[in-house]
Amino acid sequence: MDEKDELRKSEELRSFLFLTVVMVPVLTVVIIAAYGFAVWFYQMLIGGPPHH
């Protein structure tokens, strides 16, 4: 039982590190890029950025 607990803990640590080091930055970049694309597309439809 103790060996299974150690294996589970190491797998849990690897999963946590993968999520925090890889997935969070990737998702952040994807969300920001999607927002930028949405703004760009909206401005393309209405004729450009707003003017004074």
PDB file of N, CA and C in Angstrom:
ATOM      1  N   MET A   1       0.816  -1.196   0.000  1.00  0.00           N
ATOM      2  CA  MET A   1       0.000   0.000   0.000  1.00  0.00           C
ATOM      3  C   MET A   1       0.859   1.260   0.000  1.00  0.00           C
ATOM      4  N   ASP A   2       1.966   1.219   0.708  1.00  0.00           N
ATOM      5  CA  ASP A   2       2.826   2.393   0.822  1.00  0.00           C
ATOM      6  C   ASP A   2       3.446   2.754  -0.528  1.00  0.00           C
ATOM      7  N   GLU A   3       3.782   1.738  -1.313  1.00  0.00           N
ATOM      8  CA  GLU A   3       4.373   1.986  -2.631  1.00  0.00           C
ATOM      9  C   GLU A   3       3.361   2.642  -3.570  1.00  0.00           C
ATOM     10  N   LYS A   4       2.108   2.224  -3.467  1.00  0.00           N
ATOM     11  CA  LYS A   4       1.062   2.832  -4.295  1.00  0.00           C
ATOM     12  C   LYS A   4       0.835   4.290  -3.905  1.00  0.00           C
ATOM     13  N   ASP A   5       0.920   4.569  -2.607  1.00  0.00           N
ATOM     14  CA  ASP A   5       0.760   5.951  -2.157  1.00  0.00           C
ATOM     15  C   ASP A   5       1.881   6.835  -2.694  1.00  0.00           C
ATOM     16  N   GLU A   6       3.100   6.322  -2.673  1.00  0.00           N
ATOM     17  CA  GLU A   6       4.233   7.090  -3.202  1.00  0.00           C
ATOM     18  C   GLU A   6       4.072   7.333  -4.700  1.00  0.00           C
ATOM     19  N   LEU A   7       3.624   6.311  -5.417  1.00  0.00           N
ATOM     20  CA  LEU A   7       3.410   6.454  -6.858  1.00  0.00           C
ATOM     21  C   LEU A   7       2.319   7.484  -7.138  1.00  0.00           C
ATOM     22  N   ARG A   8       1.257   7.425  -6.356  1.00  0.00           N
ATOM     23  CA  ARG A   8       0.154   8.369  -6.536  1.00  0.00           C
ATOM     24  C   ARG A   8       0.610   9.793  -6.235  1.00  0.00           C
ATOM     25  N   LYS A   9       1.408   9.960  -5.193  1.00  0.00           N
ATOM     26  CA  LYS A   9       1.891  11.295  -4.834  1.00  0.00           C
ATOM     27  C   LYS A   9       2.806  11.859  -5.918  1.00  0.00           C
ATOM     28  N   SER A  10       3.676  11.022  -6.459  1.00  0.00           N
ATOM     29  CA  SER A  10       4.577  11.526  -7.496  1.00  0.00           C
ATOM     30  C   SER A  10       3.798  11.860  -8.769  1.00  0.00           C
ATOM     31  N   GLU A  11       2.803  11.050  -9.084  1.00  0.00           N
ATOM     32  CA  GLU A  11       1.977  11.349 -10.254  1.00  0.00           C
ATOM     33  C   GLU A  11       1.163  12.624 -10.033  1.00  0.00           C
ATOM     34  N   GLU A  12       0.682  12.800  -8.832  1.00  0.00           N
ATOM     35  CA  GLU A  12      -0.070  14.009  -8.508  1.00  0.00           C
ATOM     36  C   GLU A  12       0.823  15.244  -8.613  1.00  0.00           C
ATOM     37  N   LEU A  13       2.050  15.136  -8.147  1.00  0.00           N
ATOM     38  CA  LEU A  13       2.989  16.252  -8.242  1.00  0.00           C
ATOM     39  C   LEU A  13       3.304  16.567  -9.700  1.00  0.00           C
ATOM     40  N   ARG A  14       3.529  15.536 -10.508  1.00  0.00           N
ATOM     41  CA  ARG A  14       3.792  15.764 -11.934  1.00  0.00           C
ATOM     42  C   ARG A  14       2.596  16.420 -12.618  1.00  0.00           C
ATOM     43  N   SER A  15       1.406  15.983 -12.276  1.00  0.00           N
ATOM     44  CA  SER A  15       0.204  16.585 -12.863  1.00  0.00           C
ATOM     45  C   SER A  15       0.078  18.046 -12.460  1.00  0.00           C
ATOM     46  N   PHE A  16       0.327  18.331 -11.196  1.00  0.00           N
ATOM     47  CA  PHE A  16       0.250  19.711 -10.714  1.00  0.00           C
ATOM     48  C   PHE A  16       1.279  20.589 -11.417  1.00  0.00           C
ATOM     49  N   LEU A  17       2.503  20.096 -11.531  1.00  0.00           N
ATOM     50  CA  LEU A  17       3.545  20.886 -12.190  1.00  0.00           C
ATOM     51  C   LEU A  17       3.221  21.099 -13.664  1.00  0.00           C
ATOM     52  N   PHE A  18       2.696  20.076 -14.325  1.00  0.00           N
ATOM     53  CA  PHE A  18       2.311  20.224 -15.729  1.00  0.00           C
ATOM     54  C   PHE A  18       1.231  21.280 -15.879  1.00  0.00           C
ATOM     55  N   LEU A  19       0.237  21.233 -14.995  1.00  0.00           N
ATOM     56  CA  LEU A  19      -0.846  22.208 -15.090  1.00  0.00           C
ATOM     57  C   LEU A  19      -0.353  23.624 -14.832  1.00  0.00           C
ATOM     58  N   THR A  20       0.499  23.798 -13.830  1.00  0.00           N
ATOM     59  CA  THR A  20       0.922  25.149 -13.477  1.00  0.00           C
ATOM     60  C   THR A  20       1.999  25.691 -14.403  1.00  0.00           C
ATOM     61  N   VAL A  21       2.894  24.843 -14.881  1.00  0.00           N
ATOM     62  CA  VAL A  21       4.016  25.323 -15.685  1.00  0.00           C
ATOM     63  C   VAL A  21       3.669  25.373 -17.170  1.00  0.00           C
ATOM     64  N   VAL A  22       2.815  24.470 -17.638  1.00  0.00           N
ATOM     65  CA  VAL A  22       2.530  24.396 -19.071  1.00  0.00           C
ATOM     66  C   VAL A  22       1.133  24.919 -19.397  1.00  0.00           C
ATOM     67  N   MET A  23       0.128  24.356 -18.776  1.00  0.00           N
ATOM     68  CA  MET A  23      -1.238  24.640 -19.212  1.00  0.00           C
ATOM     69  C   MET A  23      -1.708  26.055 -18.876  1.00  0.00           C
ATOM     70  N   VAL A  24      -1.377  26.563 -17.716  1.00  0.00           N
ATOM     71  CA  VAL A  24      -1.843  27.908 -17.356  1.00  0.00           C
ATOM     72  C   VAL A  24      -1.261  28.967 -18.295  1.00  0.00           C
ATOM     73  N   PRO A  25       0.055  28.971 -18.560  1.00  0.00           N
ATOM     74  CA  PRO A  25       0.559  29.960 -19.523  1.00  0.00           C
ATOM     75  C   PRO A  25      -0.008  29.776 -20.931  1.00  0.00           C
ATOM     76  N   VAL A  26      -0.153  28.539 -21.368  1.00  0.00           N
ATOM     77  CA  VAL A  26      -0.701  28.298 -22.707  1.00  0.00           C
ATOM     78  C   VAL A  26      -2.138  28.800 -22.790  1.00  0.00           C
ATOM     79  N   LEU A  27      -2.940  28.484 -21.792  1.00  0.00           N
ATOM     80  CA  LEU A  27      -4.325  28.957 -21.804  1.00  0.00           C
ATOM     81  C   LEU A  27      -4.403  30.475 -21.726  1.00  0.00           C
ATOM     82  N   THR A  28      -3.508  31.089 -20.973  1.00  0.00           N
ATOM     83  CA  THR A  28      -3.485  32.545 -20.883  1.00  0.00           C
ATOM     84  C   THR A  28      -3.198  33.164 -22.244  1.00  0.00           C
ATOM     85  N   VAL A  29      -2.204  32.645 -22.933  1.00  0.00           N
ATOM     86  CA  VAL A  29      -1.863  33.163 -24.262  1.00  0.00           C
ATOM     87  C   VAL A  29      -3.015  32.940 -25.233  1.00  0.00           C
ATOM     88  N   VAL A  30      -3.645  31.781 -25.182  1.00  0.00           N
ATOM     89  CA  VAL A  30      -4.754  31.489 -26.093  1.00  0.00           C
ATOM     90  C   VAL A  30      -5.929  32.429 -25.830  1.00  0.00           C
ATOM     91  N   ILE A  31      -6.237  32.674 -24.573  1.00  0.00           N
ATOM     92  CA  ILE A  31      -7.360  33.565 -24.245  1.00  0.00           C
ATOM     93  C   ILE A  31      -7.067  34.990 -24.705  1.00  0.00           C
ATOM     94  N   ILE A  32      -5.853  35.469 -24.465  1.00  0.00           N
ATOM     95  CA  ILE A  32      -5.496  36.824 -24.891  1.00  0.00           C
ATOM     96  C   ILE A  32      -5.492  36.926 -26.414  1.00  0.00           C
ATOM     97  N   ALA A  33      -4.983  35.900 -27.085  1.00  0.00           N
ATOM     98  CA  ALA A  33      -4.977  35.910 -28.552  1.00  0.00           C
ATOM     99  C   ALA A  33      -6.400  35.882 -29.101  1.00  0.00           C
ATOM    100  N   ALA A  34      -7.274  35.110 -28.491  1.00  0.00           N
ATOM    101  CA  ALA A  34      -8.665  35.055 -28.952  1.00  0.00           C
ATOM    102  C   ALA A  34      -9.348  36.406 -28.757  1.00  0.00           C
ATOM    103  N   TYR A  35      -9.078  37.062 -27.650  1.00  0.00           N
ATOM    104  CA  TYR A  35      -9.647  38.391 -27.423  1.00  0.00           C
ATOM    105  C   TYR A  35      -9.113  39.387 -28.458  1.00  0.00           C
ATOM    106  N   GLY A  36      -7.815  39.344 -28.709  1.00  0.00           N
ATOM    107  CA  GLY A  36      -7.230  40.230 -29.712  1.00  0.00           C
ATOM    108  C   GLY A  36      -7.809  39.980 -31.091  1.00  0.00           C
ATOM    109  N   PHE A  37      -8.006  38.717 -31.434  1.00  0.00           N
ATOM    110  CA  PHE A  37      -8.600  38.393 -32.722  1.00  0.00           C
ATOM    111  C   PHE A  37     -10.035  38.900 -32.797  1.00  0.00           C
ATOM    112  N   ALA A  38     -10.780  38.751 -31.708  1.00  0.00           N
ATOM    113  CA  ALA A  38     -12.170  39.220 -31.697  1.00  0.00           C
ATOM    114  C   ALA A  38     -12.229  40.737 -31.878  1.00  0.00           C
ATOM    115  N   VAL A  39     -11.347  41.464 -31.213  1.00  0.00           N
ATOM    116  CA  VAL A  39     -11.313  42.922 -31.362  1.00  0.00           C
ATOM    117  C   VAL A  39     -10.926  43.294 -32.788  1.00  0.00           C
ATOM    118  N   TRP A  40      -9.925  42.628 -33.330  1.00  0.00           N
ATOM    119  CA  TRP A  40      -9.488  42.899 -34.704  1.00  0.00           C
ATOM    120  C   TRP A  40     -10.618  42.638 -35.696  1.00  0.00           C
ATOM    121  N   PHE A  41     -11.309  41.523 -35.528  1.00  0.00           N
ATOM    122  CA  PHE A  41     -12.393  41.174 -36.439  1.00  0.00           C
ATOM    123  C   PHE A  41     -13.543  42.168 -36.310  1.00  0.00           C
ATOM    124  N   TYR A  42     -13.862  42.565 -35.083  1.00  0.00           N
ATOM    125  CA  TYR A  42     -14.921  43.547 -34.864  1.00  0.00           C
ATOM    126  C   TYR A  42     -14.564  44.874 -35.529  1.00  0.00           C
ATOM    127  N   GLN A  43     -13.324  45.307 -35.377  1.00  0.00           N
ATOM    128  CA  GLN A  43     -12.904  46.561 -35.998  1.00  0.00           C
ATOM    129  C   GLN A  43     -12.906  46.452 -37.519  1.00  0.00           C
ATOM    130  N   MET A  44     -12.611  45.274 -38.030  1.00  0.00           N
ATOM    131  CA  MET A  44     -12.657  45.082 -39.474  1.00  0.00           C
ATOM    132  C   MET A  44     -14.097  45.214 -39.978  1.00  0.00           C
ATOM    133  N   LEU A  45     -15.052  44.743 -39.198  1.00  0.00           N
ATOM    134  CA  LEU A  45     -16.453  44.813 -39.611  1.00  0.00           C
ATOM    135  C   LEU A  45     -17.009  46.232 -39.531  1.00  0.00           C
ATOM    136  N   ILE A  46     -16.644  46.979 -38.507  1.00  0.00           N
ATOM    137  CA  ILE A  46     -17.225  48.317 -38.340  1.00  0.00           C
ATOM    138  C   ILE A  46     -16.392  49.403 -38.998  1.00  0.00           C
ATOM    139  N   GLY A  47     -15.259  49.079 -39.565  1.00  0.00           N
ATOM    140  CA  GLY A  47     -14.494  50.066 -40.313  1.00  0.00           C
ATOM    141  C   GLY A  47     -13.323  50.667 -39.579  1.00  0.00           C
ATOM    142  N   GLY A  48     -12.786  50.023 -38.619  1.00  0.00           N
ATOM    143  CA  GLY A  48     -11.577  50.506 -37.972  1.00  0.00           C
ATOM    144  C   GLY A  48     -11.793  50.920 -36.536  1.00  0.00           C
ATOM    145  N   PRO A  49     -10.704  51.348 -35.898  1.00  0.00           N
ATOM    146  CA  PRO A  49     -10.810  51.763 -34.502  1.00  0.00           C
ATOM    147  C   PRO A  49     -11.633  53.046 -34.381  1.00  0.00           C
ATOM    148  N   PRO A  50     -12.220  53.263 -33.231  1.00  0.00           N
ATOM    149  CA  PRO A  50     -13.041  54.470 -33.053  1.00  0.00           C
ATOM    150  C   PRO A  50     -12.188  55.740 -33.107  1.00  0.00           C
ATOM    151  N   HIS A  51     -12.783  56.796 -33.613  1.00  0.00           N
ATOM    152  CA  HIS A  51     -12.101  58.087 -33.716  1.00  0.00           C
ATOM    153  C   HIS A  51     -12.765  59.072 -32.769  1.00  0.00           C
ATOM    154  N   HIS A  52     -12.065  60.154 -32.498  1.00  0.00           N
ATOM    155  CA  HIS A  52     -12.618  61.188 -31.602  1.00  0.00           C
ATOM    156  C   HIS A  52     -13.735  61.926 -32.272  1.00  0.00           C
TER     157      HIS A  52
END
